């Protein structure tokens, strides 16, 4: 890994560590969204769309935060509960 890549990685990690919740309201049927995995790896409670591989890849860590696609009020309810 180059020095520039290490600096970028450190900056991204710093931003994740500032967060208290991670939200992935995706429209895509991604089999394994990297952003969701990054949030989970940082130990953040994660709220995500019930799309693609998110329910399987997120497992129990995301199960309480799964929302049906396009259901804005469901996201607000889960986020409000976590805050």
Protein backbone atom coordinates (compact mmCIF):
# COMPACT_ATOMS: atom_id res chain seq x y z
CA UNK A 1 0.00 0.00 0.00
CA UNK A 2 1.42 3.38 -0.99
CA UNK A 3 1.70 6.31 1.40
CA UNK A 4 -1.16 8.11 -0.37
CA UNK A 5 -3.40 5.05 0.00
CA UNK A 6 -2.54 4.80 3.71
CA UNK A 7 -3.39 8.48 4.24
CA UNK A 8 -6.71 8.11 2.40
CA UNK A 9 -7.58 4.97 4.37
CA UNK A 10 -6.79 6.73 7.66
CA UNK A 11 -8.99 9.70 6.71
CA UNK A 12 -11.90 7.41 5.82
CA UNK A 13 -11.48 5.47 9.07
CA UNK A 14 -11.43 8.74 11.05
CA UNK A 15 -14.76 9.76 9.49
CA UNK A 16 -16.39 6.41 10.31
CA UNK A 17 -15.18 6.71 13.92
CA UNK A 18 -16.90 10.10 14.24
CA UNK A 19 -20.26 8.55 13.35
CA UNK A 20 -22.75 7.03 15.76
CA UNK A 21 -24.92 5.30 13.11
CA UNK A 22 -24.34 4.19 9.53
CA UNK A 23 -27.19 4.27 7.00
CA UNK A 24 -27.19 2.53 3.60
CA UNK A 25 -30.43 3.51 1.79
CA UNK A 26 -29.53 1.91 -1.53
CA UNK A 27 -31.59 1.51 -4.70
CA UNK A 28 -29.31 -1.20 -6.07
CA UNK A 29 -29.38 -4.96 -5.65
CA UNK A 30 -25.70 -5.08 -4.74
CA UNK A 31 -24.63 -8.54 -3.61
CA UNK A 32 -22.19 -7.21 -1.02
CA UNK A 33 -22.07 -3.41 -0.54
CA UNK A 34 -18.60 -2.41 0.57
CA UNK A 35 -19.85 0.70 2.38
CA UNK A 36 -22.12 -1.41 4.60
CA UNK A 37 -19.24 -3.76 5.43
CA UNK A 38 -17.02 -0.79 6.32
CA UNK A 39 -19.65 0.60 8.70
CA UNK A 40 -20.13 -2.78 10.33
CA UNK A 41 -16.36 -3.29 10.62
CA UNK A 42 -16.18 -0.01 12.54
CA UNK A 43 -18.81 -1.31 14.96
CA UNK A 44 -21.54 1.11 13.90
CA UNK A 45 -25.22 0.24 14.23
CA UNK A 46 -26.27 -0.02 10.59
CA UNK A 47 -29.60 0.82 8.97
CA UNK A 48 -29.90 -0.50 5.43
CA UNK A 49 -32.28 -1.25 2.59
CA UNK A 50 -33.66 -4.74 2.38
CA UNK A 51 -32.12 -5.16 -1.08
CA UNK A 52 -29.62 -7.44 -2.78
CA UNK A 53 -27.25 -9.23 -0.45
CA UNK A 54 -27.63 -6.80 2.44
CA UNK A 55 -29.83 -9.05 4.63
CA UNK A 56 -27.47 -12.01 4.17
CA UNK A 57 -24.16 -10.15 4.32
CA UNK A 58 -25.17 -7.91 7.22
CA UNK A 59 -26.52 -10.80 9.25
CA UNK A 60 -27.69 -10.20 12.80
CA UNK A 61 -25.83 -6.88 12.99
CA UNK A 62 -28.19 -5.34 10.44
CA UNK A 63 -31.39 -7.34 11.00
CA UNK A 64 -32.94 -4.81 13.40
CA UNK A 65 -32.11 -2.01 10.97
CA UNK A 66 -33.46 -3.41 7.70
CA UNK A 67 -35.97 -1.19 5.92
CA UNK A 68 -38.09 -1.85 2.88
CA UNK A 69 -36.86 0.01 -0.18
CA UNK A 70 -38.53 3.39 -0.64
CA UNK A 71 -40.15 3.43 2.82
CA UNK A 72 -38.76 6.73 4.10
CA UNK A 73 -40.76 6.67 7.33
CA UNK A 74 -39.34 3.24 8.18
CA UNK A 75 -35.82 4.70 7.98
CA UNK A 76 -36.82 7.62 10.21
CA UNK A 77 -38.36 5.26 12.77
CA UNK A 78 -35.28 3.04 12.98
CA UNK A 79 -32.87 5.97 13.04
CA UNK A 80 -34.94 7.68 15.73
CA UNK A 81 -34.89 4.54 17.84
CA UNK A 82 -31.11 4.21 17.51
CA UNK A 83 -30.49 7.85 18.39
